[in-house]
Amino acid sequence: MTATESAIATARHAARAAAEKLAEDIVAMDVSERLALADIFLIASAPSERQVNAIVDGVEDELSKFDLKPIRREGRSGGRWVLLDYGDIVIHVQHEEDRVFYALERLWKDCPVVDLQLGDDTSAKAAVASETE
């Protein structure tokens, strides 16, 4: 079994919203064969708690346009690792230090990566953001 088309589409919308808020290292993994709870894990990171929360706000705002609301939200008050559970997609927005420490990509390395179709402009935005900090 692979991720559903609707889960992939949702992940792409969420990834674009995260990229607009200058999220870094946006990755999606198809966990459907290993995990019955979700089809896709979307992971993004940011260098500060404020940026983590801005990314979360951007993702929630974008997905609400499609009448999607998280079933569960955890970690918002700390701003270090926020989890948004949309059922078929689980979004992890982590502070870059926590992302390195917990290494979710390493834990799920056997899962295929989903093409988010973000293009080169997202990489350019991230590079510009890092140069201005």
C-alpha atoms as a PDB file:
ATOM      1  CA  MET A   1       0.000   0.000   0.000  1.00  0.00           C
ATOM      2  CA  THR A   2       1.184   3.538  -0.701  1.00  0.00           C
ATOM      3  CA  ALA A   3       0.039   6.954   0.431  1.00  0.00           C
ATOM      4  CA  THR A   4      -3.274   8.111  -0.996  1.00  0.00           C
ATOM      5  CA  GLU A   5      -3.409  10.879  -3.579  1.00  0.00           C
ATOM      6  CA  SER A   6      -5.333  13.060  -1.120  1.00  0.00           C
ATOM      7  CA  ALA A   7      -2.616  12.613   1.521  1.00  0.00           C
ATOM      8  CA  ILE A   8       0.063  13.529  -1.027  1.00  0.00           C
ATOM      9  CA  ALA A   9      -1.906  16.599  -2.113  1.00  0.00           C
ATOM     10  CA  THR A  10      -2.366  17.674   1.511  1.00  0.00           C
ATOM     11  CA  ALA A  11       1.349  17.191   2.178  1.00  0.00           C
ATOM     12  CA  ARG A  12       2.204  19.348  -0.840  1.00  0.00           C
ATOM     13  CA  HIS A  13      -0.104  22.145   0.319  1.00  0.00           C
ATOM     14  CA  ALA A  14       1.348  21.976   3.828  1.00  0.00           C
ATOM     15  CA  ALA A  15       4.913  21.939   2.482  1.00  0.00           C
ATOM     16  CA  ARG A  16       4.301  25.011   0.321  1.00  0.00           C
ATOM     17  CA  ALA A  17       2.802  26.846   3.281  1.00  0.00           C
ATOM     18  CA  ALA A  18       5.796  25.881   5.426  1.00  0.00           C
ATOM     19  CA  ALA A  19       8.189  27.004   2.687  1.00  0.00           C
ATOM     20  CA  GLU A  20       6.444  30.381   2.506  1.00  0.00           C
ATOM     21  CA  LYS A  21       7.224  30.803   6.210  1.00  0.00           C
ATOM     22  CA  LEU A  22      10.873  29.912   5.460  1.00  0.00           C
ATOM     23  CA  ALA A  23      10.850  26.403   6.885  1.00  0.00           C
ATOM     24  CA  GLU A  24      14.089  24.531   6.327  1.00  0.00           C
ATOM     25  CA  ASP A  25      14.760  20.976   5.156  1.00  0.00           C
ATOM     26  CA  ILE A  26      11.170  20.110   4.292  1.00  0.00           C
ATOM     27  CA  VAL A  27      10.843  16.358   3.794  1.00  0.00           C
ATOM     28  CA  ALA A  28       7.863  14.039   3.418  1.00  0.00           C
ATOM     29  CA  MET A  29       8.013  10.286   3.865  1.00  0.00           C
ATOM     30  CA  ASP A  30       5.437   7.708   2.865  1.00  0.00           C
ATOM     31  CA  VAL A  31       4.986   5.734   6.103  1.00  0.00           C
ATOM     32  CA  SER A  32       1.817   3.943   4.979  1.00  0.00           C
ATOM     33  CA  GLU A  33       3.425   0.511   4.726  1.00  0.00           C
ATOM     34  CA  ARG A  34       5.045   0.735   8.163  1.00  0.00           C
ATOM     35  CA  LEU A  35       2.410   2.626  10.124  1.00  0.00           C
ATOM     36  CA  ALA A  36      -1.356   2.086  10.174  1.00  0.00           C
ATOM     37  CA  LEU A  37      -2.028   5.509  11.702  1.00  0.00           C
ATOM     38  CA  ALA A  38      -0.924   7.746   8.837  1.00  0.00           C
ATOM     39  CA  ASP A  39       0.178   7.779   5.221  1.00  0.00           C
ATOM     40  CA  ILE A  40       2.718  10.595   5.317  1.00  0.00           C
ATOM     41  CA  PHE A  41       5.050  12.221   7.821  1.00  0.00           C
ATOM     42  CA  LEU A  42       5.967  15.761   6.813  1.00  0.00           C
ATOM     43  CA  ILE A  43       8.982  17.173   8.637  1.00  0.00           C
ATOM     44  CA  ALA A  44      10.216  20.753   8.591  1.00  0.00           C
ATOM     45  CA  SER A  45      12.509  22.739  10.835  1.00  0.00           C
ATOM     46  CA  ALA A  46      13.326  26.284  11.880  1.00  0.00           C
ATOM     47  CA  PRO A  47      16.121  27.988  13.825  1.00  0.00           C
ATOM     48  CA  SER A  48      13.895  29.478  16.572  1.00  0.00           C
ATOM     49  CA  GLU A  49      10.765  28.773  18.584  1.00  0.00           C
ATOM     50  CA  ARG A  50       9.085  31.848  17.080  1.00  0.00           C
ATOM     51  CA  GLN A  51       9.774  30.579  13.570  1.00  0.00           C
ATOM     52  CA  VAL A  52       8.472  27.099  14.446  1.00  0.00           C
ATOM     53  CA  ASN A  53       5.194  28.652  15.591  1.00  0.00           C
ATOM     54  CA  ALA A  54       4.986  30.878  12.493  1.00  0.00           C
ATOM     55  CA  ILE A  55       5.372  27.808  10.278  1.00  0.00           C
ATOM     56  CA  VAL A  56       2.673  25.977  12.221  1.00  0.00           C
ATOM     57  CA  ASP A  57       0.337  28.972  11.850  1.00  0.00           C
ATOM     58  CA  GLY A  58       1.014  29.110   8.115  1.00  0.00           C
ATOM     59  CA  VAL A  59       0.348  25.399   7.647  1.00  0.00           C
ATOM     60  CA  GLU A  60      -2.854  25.480   9.690  1.00  0.00           C
ATOM     61  CA  ASP A  61      -4.098  28.560   7.804  1.00  0.00           C
ATOM     62  CA  GLU A  62      -3.398  26.961   4.433  1.00  0.00           C
ATOM     63  CA  LEU A  63      -5.006  23.623   5.246  1.00  0.00           C
ATOM     64  CA  SER A  64      -8.054  25.329   6.766  1.00  0.00           C
ATOM     65  CA  LYS A  65      -8.773  26.659   3.246  1.00  0.00           C
ATOM     66  CA  PHE A  66      -9.515  23.032   2.360  1.00  0.00           C
ATOM     67  CA  ASP A  67     -11.674  22.562   5.482  1.00  0.00           C
ATOM     68  CA  LEU A  68      -8.911  20.545   7.127  1.00  0.00           C
ATOM     69  CA  LYS A  69      -8.385  20.935  10.853  1.00  0.00           C
ATOM     70  CA  PRO A  70      -5.898  18.993  12.940  1.00  0.00           C
ATOM     71  CA  ILE A  71      -7.332  16.101  14.892  1.00  0.00           C
ATOM     72  CA  ARG A  72      -4.624  16.677  17.473  1.00  0.00           C
ATOM     73  CA  ARG A  73      -2.014  19.346  18.086  1.00  0.00           C
ATOM     74  CA  GLU A  74       0.865  18.915  20.516  1.00  0.00           C
ATOM     75  CA  GLY A  75       3.841  21.007  21.587  1.00  0.00           C
ATOM     76  CA  ARG A  76       2.534  24.416  20.562  1.00  0.00           C
ATOM     77  CA  SER A  77       3.310  26.123  23.882  1.00  0.00           C
ATOM     78  CA  GLY A  78       6.966  25.073  23.839  1.00  0.00           C
ATOM     79  CA  GLY A  79       7.618  25.879  20.205  1.00  0.00           C
ATOM     80  CA  ARG A  80      10.397  23.298  19.982  1.00  0.00           C
ATOM     81  CA  TRP A  81       8.515  20.447  18.336  1.00  0.00           C
ATOM     82  CA  VAL A  82       4.943  20.930  17.201  1.00  0.00           C
ATOM     83  CA  LEU A  83       3.000  17.955  15.924  1.00  0.00           C
ATOM     84  CA  LEU A  84      -0.122  18.470  13.800  1.00  0.00           C
ATOM     85  CA  ASP A  85      -2.138  15.292  13.231  1.00  0.00           C
ATOM     86  CA  TYR A  86      -4.465  15.486  10.230  1.00  0.00           C
ATOM     87  CA  GLY A  87      -5.223  11.760  10.205  1.00  0.00           C
ATOM     88  CA  ASP A  88      -3.602  10.635   6.964  1.00  0.00           C
ATOM     89  CA  ILE A  89      -0.760  13.125   7.333  1.00  0.00           C
ATOM     90  CA  VAL A  90       1.226  13.993  10.458  1.00  0.00           C
ATOM     91  CA  ILE A  91       3.238  17.202  10.343  1.00  0.00           C
ATOM     92  CA  HIS A  92       6.294  17.665  12.542  1.00  0.00           C
ATOM     93  CA  VAL A  93       7.720  21.182  12.786  1.00  0.00           C
ATOM     94  CA  GLN A  94      10.870  21.067  14.871  1.00  0.00           C
ATOM     95  CA  HIS A  95      13.478  23.454  16.144  1.00  0.00           C
ATOM     96  CA  GLU A  96      16.595  22.596  14.144  1.00  0.00           C
ATOM     97  CA  GLU A  97      18.444  21.386  17.275  1.00  0.00           C
ATOM     98  CA  ASP A  98      15.612  18.994  18.159  1.00  0.00           C
ATOM     99  CA  ARG A  99      15.463  17.758  14.591  1.00  0.00           C
ATOM    100  CA  VAL A 100      19.122  16.808  14.684  1.00  0.00           C
ATOM    101  CA  PHE A 101      18.754  15.181  18.109  1.00  0.00           C
ATOM    102  CA  TYR A 102      15.625  13.111  17.352  1.00  0.00           C
ATOM    103  CA  ALA A 103      16.541  12.380  13.701  1.00  0.00           C
ATOM    104  CA  LEU A 104      13.101  11.273  12.528  1.00  0.00           C
ATOM    105  CA  GLU A 105      14.397  10.789   8.994  1.00  0.00           C
ATOM    106  CA  ARG A 106      16.871   8.226  10.304  1.00  0.00           C
ATOM    107  CA  LEU A 107      14.132   6.368  12.175  1.00  0.00           C
ATOM    108  CA  TRP A 108      11.984   6.198   9.030  1.00  0.00           C
ATOM    109  CA  LYS A 109      14.841   5.852   6.496  1.00  0.00           C
ATOM    110  CA  ASP A 110      13.317   2.727   4.942  1.00  0.00           C
ATOM    111  CA  CYS A 111      10.247   4.694   3.866  1.00  0.00           C
ATOM    112  CA  PRO A 112      10.079   6.260   0.422  1.00  0.00           C
ATOM    113  CA  VAL A 113      10.402  10.026   0.134  1.00  0.00           C
ATOM    114  CA  VAL A 114       7.423  11.865  -1.333  1.00  0.00           C
ATOM    115  CA  ASP A 115       8.114  14.412  -4.071  1.00  0.00           C
ATOM    116  CA  LEU A 116       6.688  17.642  -2.690  1.00  0.00           C
ATOM    117  CA  GLN A 117       7.209  19.506  -5.966  1.00  0.00           C
ATOM    118  CA  LEU A 118       8.578  22.568  -4.194  1.00  0.00           C
ATOM    119  CA  GLY A 119      11.027  23.468  -6.943  1.00  0.00           C
ATOM    120  CA  ASP A 120      14.241  25.456  -6.718  1.00  0.00           C
ATOM    121  CA  ASP A 121      12.618  28.703  -5.557  1.00  0.00           C
ATOM    122  CA  THR A 122      12.146  27.232  -2.062  1.00  0.00           C
ATOM    123  CA  SER A 123      15.848  26.428  -1.799  1.00  0.00           C
ATOM    124  CA  ALA A 124      16.625  29.965  -2.875  1.00  0.00           C
ATOM    125  CA  LYS A 125      14.282  31.410  -0.217  1.00  0.00           C
ATOM    126  CA  ALA A 126      15.941  29.318   2.481  1.00  0.00           C
ATOM    127  CA  ALA A 127      19.407  30.403   1.305  1.00  0.00           C
ATOM    128  CA  VAL A 128      18.407  34.072   1.321  1.00  0.00           C
ATOM    129  CA  ALA A 129      16.897  33.714   4.789  1.00  0.00           C
ATOM    130  CA  SER A 130      20.026  32.108   6.195  1.00  0.00           C
ATOM    131  CA  GLU A 131      22.211  34.851   4.696  1.00  0.00           C
ATOM    132  CA  THR A 132      20.124  37.595   6.339  1.00  0.00           C
ATOM    133  CA  GLU A 133      20.283  36.073   9.822  1.00  0.00           C
END
